[in-house]
Amino acid sequence: MAEHLSPRVNSKRLNDFVGKTVRLPCKVLSFNDGNTLTVEASDGGHVRVLLPNSPDIRDTFVEIIGSVSDSSSIKMMACINMGDKLDLKLANDVTEKTFDPRFKDMFFA
């Protein structure tokens, strides 16, 4: 079961998950060159997203599901469009709660 986990992270947590699959709730800032995207993670940090051939990004806010390449980039596998209104502070609070030692067994058991 643990091999199928994709924890929700913010930019400061990326370095802990290099080579692993994660979910990154974020705001789309710019499409750079057709192959990459710059997003603002829920904690305000900027992350570079390496895009697949046909990314389905339609909304301002998305959740990127992908493999962490390094401390500032993710290779996207899928994208969940989340509309034009998302409280990133709330998303970040939820993300951080999943790493709180009091709740760790609920999320990473």
Protein backbone atom coordinates (compact mmCIF):
# COMPACT_ATOMS: atom_id res chain seq x y z
CA MET A 1 0.00 0.00 0.00
CA ALA A 2 2.80 2.45 0.86
CA GLU A 3 4.07 2.33 -2.73
CA HIS A 4 0.80 3.95 -3.85
CA LEU A 5 0.97 6.96 -1.52
CA SER A 6 1.06 10.41 -3.08
CA PRO A 7 1.23 12.85 -0.18
CA ARG A 8 0.13 16.44 -0.63
CA VAL A 9 3.16 18.74 -0.35
CA ASN A 10 4.20 22.37 -0.63
CA SER A 11 7.45 23.76 -2.05
CA LYS A 12 9.41 23.44 1.21
CA ARG A 13 8.58 19.72 1.44
CA LEU A 14 9.70 18.79 -2.11
CA ASN A 15 13.27 17.99 -1.10
CA ASP A 16 11.98 15.26 1.25
CA PHE A 17 10.28 13.46 -1.66
CA VAL A 18 12.82 13.46 -4.51
CA GLY A 19 12.07 10.48 -6.77
CA LYS A 20 8.62 9.95 -5.23
CA THR A 21 5.10 10.76 -6.38
CA VAL A 22 3.39 13.72 -4.71
CA ARG A 23 0.41 16.06 -5.09
CA LEU A 24 1.09 19.78 -5.27
CA PRO A 25 -1.88 22.15 -4.91
CA CYS A 26 -0.88 25.35 -6.68
CA LYS A 27 -1.68 28.43 -8.74
CA VAL A 28 -0.58 28.54 -12.38
CA LEU A 29 1.71 31.52 -12.92
CA SER A 30 3.09 31.02 -16.44
CA PHE A 31 3.59 28.58 -19.28
CA ASN A 32 7.29 28.98 -20.05
CA ASP A 33 8.23 27.25 -23.27
CA GLY A 34 5.60 24.61 -23.96
CA ASN A 35 7.59 22.08 -21.95
CA THR A 36 7.49 23.71 -18.54
CA LEU A 37 5.14 25.62 -16.31
CA THR A 38 5.83 27.83 -13.29
CA VAL A 39 3.41 27.52 -10.39
CA GLU A 40 3.03 29.03 -6.94
CA ALA A 41 2.76 26.30 -4.31
CA SER A 42 0.44 26.64 -1.33
CA ASP A 43 3.28 28.02 0.83
CA GLY A 44 4.12 30.73 -1.72
CA GLY A 45 7.22 29.07 -3.19
CA HIS A 46 7.67 28.79 -6.95
CA VAL A 47 7.98 25.35 -8.53
CA ARG A 48 8.91 24.39 -12.10
CA VAL A 49 6.66 21.71 -13.59
CA LEU A 50 7.94 19.57 -16.46
CA LEU A 51 4.91 18.94 -18.66
CA PRO A 52 3.84 15.81 -20.56
CA ASN A 53 2.96 16.05 -24.27
CA SER A 54 -0.69 17.03 -23.80
CA PRO A 55 -1.23 18.68 -20.43
CA ASP A 56 -4.88 19.30 -19.56
CA ILE A 57 -4.46 22.54 -17.61
CA ARG A 58 -7.58 24.70 -17.91
CA ASP A 59 -7.89 26.46 -14.56
CA THR A 60 -5.98 29.01 -12.50
CA PHE A 61 -5.67 26.57 -9.59
CA VAL A 62 -4.62 22.96 -10.11
CA GLU A 63 -3.24 20.02 -8.23
CA ILE A 64 -0.21 18.59 -9.98
CA ILE A 65 0.39 14.88 -9.47
CA GLY A 66 3.93 14.00 -10.37
CA SER A 67 7.37 12.74 -9.54
CA VAL A 68 9.67 15.13 -7.68
CA SER A 69 12.82 15.75 -9.75
CA ASP A 70 14.62 17.98 -7.26
CA SER A 71 13.89 20.55 -4.57
CA SER A 72 12.23 22.93 -7.03
CA SER A 73 10.74 20.85 -9.84
CA ILE A 74 8.20 18.13 -10.54
CA LYS A 75 7.63 15.97 -13.61
CA MET A 76 3.85 16.04 -14.09
CA MET A 77 1.97 12.76 -14.56
CA ALA A 78 -1.55 14.17 -14.16
CA CYS A 79 -3.36 17.35 -13.29
CA ILE A 80 -6.60 18.01 -11.44
CA ASN A 81 -8.21 21.30 -12.45
CA MET A 82 -9.56 23.06 -9.35
CA GLY A 83 -11.24 26.18 -10.72
CA ASP A 84 -10.46 29.85 -10.35
CA LYS A 85 -10.90 30.18 -6.59
CA LEU A 86 -8.84 28.21 -4.11
CA ASP A 87 -7.66 29.37 -0.72
CA LEU A 88 -3.96 28.49 -0.92
CA LYS A 89 -3.43 29.37 2.74
CA LEU A 90 -6.06 26.83 3.73
CA ALA A 91 -4.54 24.26 1.35
CA ASN A 92 -1.16 24.87 2.96
CA ASP A 93 -2.59 24.51 6.47
CA VAL A 94 -4.10 21.14 5.51
CA THR A 95 -0.82 20.07 3.89
CA GLU A 96 1.18 20.94 6.99
CA LYS A 97 -1.27 19.16 9.31
CA THR A 98 -0.57 15.89 7.48
CA PHE A 99 3.06 16.17 8.60
CA ASP A 100 2.21 16.94 12.23
CA PRO A 101 3.54 14.02 14.33
CA ARG A 102 0.18 13.78 16.14
CA PHE A 103 -1.55 12.82 12.86
CA LYS A 104 1.22 10.98 10.99
CA ASP A 105 -0.31 7.53 11.44
CA MET A 106 -3.58 8.74 9.92
CA PHE A 107 -1.89 9.73 6.66
CA PHE A 108 1.25 7.62 6.29
CA ALA A 109 0.37 4.31 7.94
